[in-house]
Amino acid sequence: MKEKAVLVKPSNRIKDRSILGQILIYFVAAIIAFITIYPMYYVLVLSLSSPREALTMRVYWWPKGFFLGGYERILSDIRLWTAYKNTIFYCSVRAVLNLLTSVLVAYPLTVRKLYGRKFVTFFLLIPMYVAGGIIPEFILMTKLGLYNTPWALILPGSYSIWYIILTRSYFHSIPESLRESAKLDGANSYRILWNVYLPTSKPILAVVALYTIIGVWNSWYHASIYITEHDWQPLQLYLRRILIEQTEQLGDSMNDAEALRRMQESQISNNQMKYTVIIVSSLPMLIAYPFFQNYFVKGVMLGSLKE
């Protein structure tokens, strides 16, 4: 009788040490999480501490001299809510326009039989590396009559070559057989895009929308150049202007001793208020990020795709 062969499962050294490995991974992850989260927590603690305690910078784990005056001053200003409304408007319009341009440009570039497809793709790459600069852009905005209007912040950012490339890369990952099947059923290009490509492309659409919203939310430079009317200024520019105006007011009162004393007291409070400004401007994005973290990860991975 033949003896039955006994299969010996090779030992997995990695598995044998998995407990130690997991402990090490969790430890490193905890350190990274602490390094990432603590700076914002530190700013939050300073924003809730009394101005003099915040000035000493000796507040580390919990507020000292609990103080909400900074939030009262910021949130009671009607200009803050106008700036919030403007920023939400810019984010919404820019996100919609970026989605439209990314999809409508990327979809034709996935058609393999499209004449001149490679030339168009190469042509789109040129503006990514070569730009006219801020002066020609400023002249163009003034010549078009967009200066000091909200369209000066909307139209130049209504498209992104990078988002077009990301969307095109994702469309290429969709099986060509789906397009062919839809054609056999009598669907035209518009119907294929609407019923086949868009329903399966929700991750990349979410990535484009979220990246656009975050970019607009944190932007202030172009608004400082093209927008002088306070009624159309975004949130970040409003908050920046508050800090600058407070510094200028202190400098204007240097000749009056009593006014200087009052302004120095005010400056102590203003120094604490800058932490409040950071929290007020960052809180919406901090709340939204955990819900859309997966889309951010997908966006990073999409950037490494090659056709």
Protein backbone atom coordinates (compact mmCIF):
# COMPACT_ATOMS: atom_id res chain seq x y z
CA MET A 1 0.00 0.00 0.00
CA LYS A 2 1.14 3.41 -0.87
CA GLU A 3 1.47 5.75 2.03
CA LYS A 4 -0.59 8.86 1.79
CA ALA A 5 1.48 11.97 1.35
CA VAL A 6 1.17 14.32 4.24
CA LEU A 7 1.14 17.94 3.20
CA VAL A 8 3.03 20.07 5.65
CA LYS A 9 1.94 23.67 5.54
CA PRO A 10 4.99 25.89 5.50
CA SER A 11 5.28 28.17 8.44
CA ASN A 12 4.45 31.75 7.77
CA ARG A 13 6.93 33.84 9.67
CA ILE A 14 5.01 37.01 8.95
CA LYS A 15 1.85 35.42 10.35
CA ASP A 16 3.70 34.08 13.37
CA ARG A 17 4.77 37.61 14.23
CA SER A 18 1.50 39.26 13.25
CA ILE A 19 0.63 40.31 16.79
CA LEU A 20 3.90 42.16 17.23
CA GLY A 21 3.56 43.61 13.75
CA GLN A 22 0.04 44.83 14.41
CA ILE A 23 1.11 46.44 17.68
CA LEU A 24 3.92 48.23 15.86
CA ILE A 25 1.58 49.37 13.08
CA TYR A 26 -0.98 50.69 15.56
CA PHE A 27 1.75 52.45 17.51
CA VAL A 28 3.13 54.20 14.44
CA ALA A 29 -0.40 55.05 13.25
CA ALA A 30 -1.20 56.54 16.67
CA ILE A 31 1.91 58.72 16.54
CA ILE A 32 1.07 59.93 13.04
CA ALA A 33 -2.54 60.62 14.06
CA PHE A 34 -1.35 62.58 17.09
CA ILE A 35 1.08 64.65 15.00
CA THR A 36 -1.70 65.35 12.51
CA ILE A 37 -4.55 66.13 14.91
CA TYR A 38 -2.81 67.88 17.79
CA PRO A 39 -1.91 71.15 15.96
CA MET A 40 -5.57 71.79 15.17
CA TYR A 41 -6.60 70.76 18.67
CA TYR A 42 -3.98 73.12 20.06
CA VAL A 43 -5.42 76.00 18.02
CA LEU A 44 -8.91 75.09 19.29
CA VAL A 45 -7.70 75.17 22.91
CA LEU A 46 -6.07 78.57 22.37
CA SER A 47 -9.24 79.94 20.77
CA LEU A 48 -11.21 78.95 23.90
CA SER A 49 -8.66 80.30 26.40
CA SER A 50 -8.50 83.81 27.82
CA PRO A 51 -6.52 86.28 25.66
CA ARG A 52 -3.70 86.67 28.20
CA GLU A 53 -3.31 82.92 28.65
CA ALA A 54 -3.28 82.46 24.88
CA LEU A 55 -0.61 85.16 24.58
CA THR A 56 1.74 83.22 26.85
CA MET A 57 1.37 80.13 24.60
CA ARG A 58 1.42 77.93 27.71
CA VAL A 59 -1.94 76.31 27.07
CA TYR A 60 -1.47 72.75 25.88
CA TRP A 61 -4.27 70.30 26.68
CA TRP A 62 -7.36 72.21 27.85
CA PRO A 63 -8.49 75.86 27.83
CA LYS A 64 -7.35 78.16 30.62
CA GLY A 65 -9.73 80.94 31.56
CA PHE A 66 -12.55 79.78 29.31
CA PHE A 67 -13.29 82.62 26.87
CA LEU A 68 -15.76 82.87 23.98
CA GLY A 69 -15.27 86.54 23.21
CA GLY A 70 -13.41 85.81 19.99
CA TYR A 71 -16.26 83.71 18.64
CA GLU A 72 -18.79 86.34 19.67
CA ARG A 73 -16.89 89.05 17.79
CA ILE A 74 -16.47 86.98 14.65
CA LEU A 75 -19.91 85.39 14.50
CA SER A 76 -21.74 88.65 15.23
CA ASP A 77 -20.20 90.35 12.19
CA ILE A 78 -22.67 90.33 9.28
CA ARG A 79 -19.76 90.50 6.85
CA LEU A 80 -18.69 87.03 7.97
CA TRP A 81 -22.00 85.50 6.89
CA THR A 82 -21.87 87.41 3.59
CA ALA A 83 -18.38 86.01 2.99
CA TYR A 84 -19.62 82.52 3.88
CA LYS A 85 -22.47 82.88 1.40
CA ASN A 86 -20.08 84.04 -1.32
CA THR A 87 -17.69 81.16 -0.69
CA ILE A 88 -20.49 78.60 -0.83
CA PHE A 89 -21.67 80.18 -4.08
CA TYR A 90 -18.17 80.04 -5.59
CA CYS A 91 -17.67 76.45 -4.44
CA SER A 92 -21.00 75.27 -5.87
CA VAL A 93 -20.68 76.98 -9.25
CA ARG A 94 -17.03 76.05 -9.73
CA ALA A 95 -17.71 72.42 -8.79
CA VAL A 96 -20.57 72.14 -11.32
CA LEU A 97 -18.53 73.79 -14.10
CA ASN A 98 -15.49 71.62 -13.41
CA LEU A 99 -17.64 68.50 -13.54
CA LEU A 100 -19.19 69.56 -16.86
CA THR A 101 -15.91 70.48 -18.53
CA SER A 102 -14.06 67.42 -17.20
CA VAL A 103 -16.73 64.98 -18.37
CA LEU A 104 -17.47 66.62 -21.72
CA VAL A 105 -13.78 66.84 -22.66
CA ALA A 106 -12.67 63.50 -21.22
CA TYR A 107 -15.45 61.40 -22.77
CA PRO A 108 -14.60 62.10 -26.45
CA LEU A 109 -10.92 61.41 -25.73
CA THR A 110 -11.82 57.82 -24.80
CA VAL A 111 -13.13 57.11 -28.32
CA ARG A 112 -10.26 55.25 -29.93
CA LYS A 113 -11.35 56.06 -33.48
CA LEU A 114 -11.60 59.79 -32.84
CA TYR A 115 -9.48 61.65 -35.39
CA GLY A 116 -6.79 63.80 -33.77
CA ARG A 117 -7.32 62.35 -30.31
CA LYS A 118 -3.61 62.11 -29.50
CA PHE A 119 -2.96 65.64 -30.73
CA VAL A 120 -5.74 67.04 -28.56
CA THR A 121 -4.40 65.14 -25.55
CA PHE A 122 -0.91 66.51 -26.16
CA PHE A 123 -2.29 70.02 -26.69
CA LEU A 124 -4.11 69.87 -23.35
CA LEU A 125 -0.86 69.11 -21.56
CA ILE A 126 0.80 72.35 -22.68
CA PRO A 127 -1.14 74.72 -20.36
CA MET A 128 -0.24 72.49 -17.41
CA TYR A 129 3.43 73.46 -17.77
CA VAL A 130 3.31 76.79 -19.64
CA ALA A 131 1.19 79.69 -18.41
CA GLY A 132 1.03 83.36 -19.34
CA GLY A 133 1.35 84.60 -15.76
CA ILE A 134 -0.70 86.85 -13.53
CA ILE A 135 -0.19 90.10 -15.51
CA PRO A 136 -1.64 88.83 -18.84
CA GLU A 137 -4.44 87.21 -16.86
CA PHE A 138 -5.20 90.49 -15.09
CA ILE A 139 -5.25 92.38 -18.41
CA LEU A 140 -7.57 89.77 -19.87
CA MET A 141 -9.97 90.04 -16.93
CA THR A 142 -10.13 93.82 -17.23
CA LYS A 143 -10.58 93.75 -21.01
CA LEU A 144 -13.45 91.27 -20.66
CA GLY A 145 -15.12 93.45 -18.04
CA LEU A 146 -14.86 90.77 -15.35
CA TYR A 147 -12.83 92.82 -12.89
CA ASN A 148 -14.59 93.32 -9.56
CA THR A 149 -17.30 90.82 -10.46
CA PRO A 150 -17.78 87.27 -9.14
CA TRP A 151 -17.17 85.90 -12.64
CA ALA A 152 -13.51 86.83 -12.29
CA LEU A 153 -13.23 84.04 -9.70
CA ILE A 154 -15.54 81.59 -11.48
CA LEU A 155 -14.70 81.54 -15.18
CA PRO A 156 -10.87 81.15 -14.99
CA GLY A 157 -11.32 78.17 -12.68
CA SER A 158 -14.24 76.58 -14.54
CA TYR A 159 -11.96 73.90 -15.99
CA SER A 160 -8.85 72.02 -14.98
CA ILE A 161 -6.55 70.07 -17.27
CA TRP A 162 -5.60 67.83 -14.36
CA TYR A 163 -9.21 66.94 -13.63
CA ILE A 164 -9.76 66.23 -17.33
CA ILE A 165 -6.83 63.81 -17.33
CA LEU A 166 -8.07 62.10 -14.16
CA THR A 167 -11.56 61.73 -15.59
CA ARG A 168 -10.19 60.43 -18.89
CA SER A 169 -8.05 57.85 -17.07
CA TYR A 170 -11.07 56.65 -15.12
CA PHE A 171 -13.23 56.44 -18.27
CA HIS A 172 -10.53 54.27 -19.84
CA SER A 173 -10.95 51.78 -17.00
CA ILE A 174 -14.60 51.20 -18.01
CA PRO A 175 -14.84 48.15 -20.30
CA GLU A 176 -15.22 49.02 -23.97
CA SER A 177 -17.76 46.21 -24.27
CA LEU A 178 -20.30 48.34 -22.39
CA ARG A 179 -20.07 51.03 -25.05
CA GLU A 180 -20.37 48.48 -27.85
CA SER A 181 -23.39 46.84 -26.23
CA ALA A 182 -25.11 50.19 -25.86
CA LYS A 183 -24.44 50.97 -29.52
CA LEU A 184 -25.98 47.65 -30.57
CA ASP A 185 -29.08 48.64 -28.59
CA GLY A 186 -29.32 51.86 -30.58
CA ALA A 187 -27.92 54.31 -28.03
CA ASN A 188 -26.12 57.38 -29.31
CA SER A 189 -23.04 58.99 -27.72
CA TYR A 190 -25.05 61.23 -25.39
CA ARG A 191 -27.11 58.34 -24.09
CA ILE A 192 -24.01 56.18 -23.61
CA LEU A 193 -22.39 58.95 -21.57
CA TRP A 194 -25.50 59.53 -19.46
CA ASN A 195 -26.62 55.92 -18.91
CA VAL A 196 -23.35 53.97 -19.04
CA TYR A 197 -20.37 56.13 -18.12
CA LEU A 198 -21.74 58.55 -15.55
CA PRO A 199 -23.46 55.95 -13.31
CA THR A 200 -20.21 53.97 -13.10
CA SER A 201 -18.04 57.06 -12.60
CA LYS A 202 -19.39 58.36 -9.31
CA PRO A 203 -16.01 58.02 -7.51
CA ILE A 204 -14.13 60.23 -9.98
CA LEU A 205 -17.00 62.73 -10.10
CA ALA A 206 -16.90 62.97 -6.32
CA VAL A 207 -13.12 63.44 -6.41
CA VAL A 208 -13.36 66.31 -8.92
CA ALA A 209 -16.15 68.00 -6.97
CA LEU A 210 -14.43 67.66 -3.59
CA TYR A 211 -11.01 68.78 -4.81
CA THR A 212 -12.62 71.80 -6.45
CA ILE A 213 -14.57 72.74 -3.32
CA ILE A 214 -11.50 72.46 -1.10
CA GLY A 215 -9.39 74.50 -3.51
CA VAL A 216 -11.98 77.28 -3.70
CA TRP A 217 -12.62 77.23 0.05
CA ASN A 218 -8.95 77.82 0.86
CA SER A 219 -8.31 80.34 -1.91
CA TRP A 220 -7.84 84.06 -1.29
CA TYR A 221 -5.04 85.24 -3.61
CA HIS A 222 -7.06 85.72 -6.80
CA ALA A 223 -9.88 87.32 -4.85
CA SER A 224 -7.42 89.85 -3.43
CA ILE A 225 -6.46 90.81 -7.00
CA TYR A 226 -9.82 90.86 -8.77
CA ILE A 227 -12.36 91.66 -6.04
CA THR A 228 -12.39 94.97 -4.16
CA GLU A 229 -16.09 95.07 -3.32
CA HIS A 230 -16.71 93.62 0.13
CA ASP A 231 -20.05 92.22 -1.01
CA TRP A 232 -18.31 89.67 -3.25
CA GLN A 233 -15.25 88.79 -1.20
CA PRO A 234 -14.87 85.14 -0.12
CA LEU A 235 -14.41 83.92 3.43
CA GLN A 236 -10.62 83.55 3.42
CA LEU A 237 -10.09 87.08 2.13
CA TYR A 238 -12.48 88.46 4.74
CA LEU A 239 -10.62 86.72 7.56
CA ARG A 240 -7.27 87.88 6.23
CA ARG A 241 -8.52 91.45 6.03
CA ILE A 242 -9.65 91.34 9.68
CA LEU A 243 -6.16 90.46 10.90
CA ILE A 244 -4.47 93.06 8.69
CA GLU A 245 -6.88 95.85 9.72
CA GLN A 246 -6.28 95.10 13.41
CA THR A 247 -2.51 95.43 12.95
CA GLU A 248 -2.90 98.68 11.02
CA GLN A 249 -5.17 100.15 13.69
CA LEU A 250 -2.50 99.54 16.34
CA GLY A 251 0.13 101.30 14.22
CA ASP A 252 -2.11 104.35 13.67
CA SER A 253 -2.49 104.95 17.42
CA MET A 254 1.18 105.07 18.42
CA ASN A 255 1.12 108.85 19.15
CA ASP A 256 -1.72 108.75 21.70
CA ALA A 257 -0.69 107.14 25.01
CA GLU A 258 -4.22 106.38 26.20
CA ALA A 259 -5.28 105.16 22.79
CA LEU A 260 -2.10 103.11 22.61
CA ARG A 261 -2.89 101.44 25.94
CA ARG A 262 -6.39 100.58 24.80
CA MET A 263 -5.11 99.33 21.49
CA GLN A 264 -2.50 97.18 23.24
CA GLU A 265 -5.26 95.61 25.31
CA SER A 266 -7.23 95.12 22.13
CA GLN A 267 -4.18 93.64 20.45
CA ILE A 268 -3.93 91.00 23.17
CA SER A 269 -7.53 90.05 22.43
CA ASN A 270 -6.87 90.19 18.67
CA ASN A 271 -3.90 87.88 19.07
CA GLN A 272 -6.23 85.31 20.60
CA MET A 273 -8.88 85.95 17.97
CA LYS A 274 -6.61 84.79 15.16
CA TYR A 275 -6.96 81.27 16.54
CA THR A 276 -10.72 81.72 16.44
CA VAL A 277 -10.42 82.79 12.81
CA ILE A 278 -8.56 79.59 11.97
CA ILE A 279 -11.23 77.42 13.59
CA VAL A 280 -14.13 79.29 11.99
CA SER A 281 -12.62 79.03 8.50
CA SER A 282 -11.49 75.41 8.81
CA LEU A 283 -14.36 73.82 10.73
CA PRO A 284 -16.66 73.04 7.74
CA MET A 285 -13.88 71.22 5.88
CA LEU A 286 -12.80 69.37 9.03
CA ILE A 287 -16.34 68.13 9.56
CA ALA A 288 -16.83 67.10 5.93
CA TYR A 289 -13.48 65.34 5.42
CA PRO A 290 -14.14 62.11 7.40
CA PHE A 291 -17.30 61.45 5.37
CA PHE A 292 -15.44 61.73 2.06
CA GLN A 293 -12.07 60.28 3.02
CA ASN A 294 -12.45 57.31 0.67
CA TYR A 295 -12.92 59.61 -2.29
CA PHE A 296 -9.73 61.47 -1.42
CA VAL A 297 -7.81 58.19 -1.33
CA LYS A 298 -9.24 57.22 -4.72
CA GLY A 299 -8.22 60.59 -6.10
CA VAL A 300 -4.63 60.03 -5.01
CA MET A 301 -4.62 56.55 -6.57
CA LEU A 302 -6.10 57.81 -9.82
CA GLY A 303 -3.18 60.16 -10.21
CA SER A 304 -0.88 57.16 -10.68
CA LEU A 305 -2.91 55.52 -13.49
CA LYS A 306 -1.34 55.18 -16.90
CA GLU A 307 -3.10 54.39 -20.10
